[in-house]
């Protein structure tokens, strides 16, 4: 099991940027596929981005492609999500997730989840 703690959320104006971080416990972090998801009020959780164990493969939802970048640092047991050109529709609670697989997973089929961090984008 991996413990995940997100940070970096906040309030930002449309067009602004934020960088979310997810700190993971556990000695086997480098063998986990990692993902970011978000959930807005009244909506289902949706996939945002995923990265494989080495960082060589990344995948994005169409809605964030070209604006968000997922990355990882296996030496520091962290995964990050850099968000640029933020829009009001990006407002949601963002959560990171870990799965004991070396590939990137774009569904919600993950083993462990963080508590989430709120991102609010004002117009």
Protein backbone atom coordinates (compact mmCIF):
# COMPACT_ATOMS: atom_id res chain seq x y z
CA UNK A 1 0.00 0.00 0.00
CA UNK A 2 1.15 3.53 -0.83
CA UNK A 3 0.23 6.58 1.23
CA UNK A 4 -0.37 9.65 -0.92
CA UNK A 5 -0.53 13.31 0.14
CA UNK A 6 -1.33 16.08 -2.33
CA UNK A 7 -0.40 19.74 -2.04
CA UNK A 8 -0.32 22.89 -4.13
CA UNK A 9 -3.98 23.57 -4.70
CA UNK A 10 -5.52 27.00 -4.28
CA UNK A 11 -7.41 29.87 -5.87
CA UNK A 12 -6.16 31.25 -9.18
CA UNK A 13 -7.55 33.50 -11.87
CA UNK A 14 -8.40 32.15 -15.30
CA UNK A 15 -5.28 31.97 -17.43
CA UNK A 16 -3.08 31.40 -14.42
CA UNK A 17 -0.97 28.42 -13.39
CA UNK A 18 -0.64 26.03 -10.49
CA UNK A 19 1.63 23.13 -9.72
CA UNK A 20 0.25 20.22 -7.75
CA UNK A 21 2.50 17.76 -5.99
CA UNK A 22 1.84 14.31 -4.61
CA UNK A 23 4.20 12.81 -2.06
CA UNK A 24 4.18 9.04 -1.80
CA UNK A 25 5.42 6.74 0.91
CA UNK A 26 6.82 3.33 0.26
CA UNK A 27 10.03 1.88 -1.09
CA UNK A 28 8.51 0.64 -4.34
CA UNK A 29 7.20 3.96 -5.66
CA UNK A 30 9.33 3.65 -8.78
CA UNK A 31 7.42 0.56 -9.84
CA UNK A 32 3.99 2.21 -9.62
CA UNK A 33 1.96 3.77 -12.36
CA UNK A 34 0.61 7.14 -11.16
CA UNK A 35 -2.35 9.24 -12.13
CA UNK A 36 -4.16 12.47 -11.44
CA UNK A 37 -7.94 12.68 -11.34
CA UNK A 38 -10.40 15.42 -10.51
CA UNK A 39 -13.95 15.67 -9.27
CA UNK A 40 -16.11 18.75 -9.51
CA UNK A 41 -19.24 19.20 -7.36
CA UNK A 42 -22.09 17.08 -8.63
CA UNK A 43 -19.90 15.34 -11.19
CA UNK A 44 -18.16 12.01 -11.39
CA UNK A 45 -14.45 11.64 -10.89
CA UNK A 46 -12.64 12.05 -14.19
CA UNK A 47 -9.22 11.14 -15.50
CA UNK A 48 -6.76 14.00 -15.96
CA UNK A 49 -3.30 12.54 -16.57
CA UNK A 50 -1.25 9.39 -16.06
CA UNK A 51 2.41 8.47 -16.13
CA UNK A 52 4.22 5.15 -16.24
CA UNK A 53 6.91 3.98 -13.82
CA UNK A 54 9.82 5.68 -15.55
CA UNK A 55 8.09 8.79 -16.78
CA UNK A 56 8.66 7.81 -20.40
CA UNK A 57 4.94 7.48 -21.14
CA UNK A 58 2.31 10.08 -20.31
CA UNK A 59 -1.37 10.34 -21.18
CA UNK A 60 -3.83 13.21 -20.85
CA UNK A 61 -7.53 13.84 -21.03
CA UNK A 62 -8.48 15.77 -24.15
CA UNK A 63 -9.70 18.63 -21.99
CA UNK A 64 -6.23 19.28 -20.53
CA UNK A 65 -3.94 18.17 -23.38
CA UNK A 66 -1.43 20.89 -24.14
CA UNK A 67 -2.12 22.77 -20.90
CA UNK A 68 -1.22 20.26 -18.17
CA UNK A 69 2.01 18.31 -17.72
CA UNK A 70 2.48 15.29 -15.47
CA UNK A 71 5.94 14.35 -14.26
CA UNK A 72 7.57 12.24 -11.56
CA UNK A 73 10.75 12.14 -9.54
CA UNK A 74 11.37 8.60 -8.35
CA UNK A 75 14.30 9.68 -6.20
CA UNK A 76 11.97 11.92 -4.21
CA UNK A 77 8.86 9.72 -4.41
CA UNK A 78 6.82 12.52 -5.93
CA UNK A 79 4.55 13.05 -8.89
CA UNK A 80 3.57 16.50 -10.06
CA UNK A 81 0.93 18.10 -12.25
CA UNK A 82 1.81 21.46 -13.78
CA UNK A 83 -1.34 23.24 -14.87
CA UNK A 84 -1.17 26.21 -17.22
CA UNK A 85 -3.83 28.35 -18.89
CA UNK A 86 -6.34 27.35 -16.24
CA UNK A 87 -10.04 27.72 -16.97
CA UNK A 88 -13.01 27.99 -14.62
CA UNK A 89 -14.08 24.51 -15.75
CA UNK A 90 -10.86 23.13 -14.27
CA UNK A 91 -12.24 23.86 -10.80
CA UNK A 92 -12.35 20.60 -8.86
CA UNK A 93 -10.75 18.53 -6.14
CA UNK A 94 -7.62 16.97 -7.63
CA UNK A 95 -6.39 13.62 -6.35
CA UNK A 96 -3.39 11.54 -7.17
CA UNK A 97 -3.55 7.77 -7.37
CA UNK A 98 -1.14 4.86 -7.45
CA UNK A 99 -1.39 1.44 -8.97
CA UNK A 100 1.03 -1.42 -8.55
CA UNK A 101 1.80 -1.66 -12.24
CA UNK A 102 4.60 -0.22 -14.32
CA UNK A 103 2.32 1.11 -17.02
CA UNK A 104 0.23 4.26 -17.08
CA UNK A 105 -3.45 3.67 -16.34
CA UNK A 106 -6.12 6.01 -17.70
CA UNK A 107 -9.13 4.52 -15.90
CA UNK A 108 -10.04 4.82 -12.22
CA UNK A 109 -8.71 1.32 -11.59
CA UNK A 110 -6.05 2.38 -9.06
CA UNK A 111 -5.09 0.78 -5.76
CA UNK A 112 -4.42 3.82 -3.58
CA UNK A 113 -5.76 7.38 -3.52
CA UNK A 114 -4.84 10.60 -1.81
CA UNK A 115 -7.32 12.85 -0.01
CA UNK A 116 -7.21 15.49 -2.71
CA UNK A 117 -6.46 19.20 -2.98
CA UNK A 118 -8.92 21.88 -4.04
CA UNK A 119 -8.26 23.90 -7.17
CA UNK A 120 -10.52 26.87 -7.81
CA UNK A 121 -10.25 28.95 -10.97
CA UNK A 122 -12.07 32.26 -10.98
CA UNK A 123 -13.29 33.93 -14.15
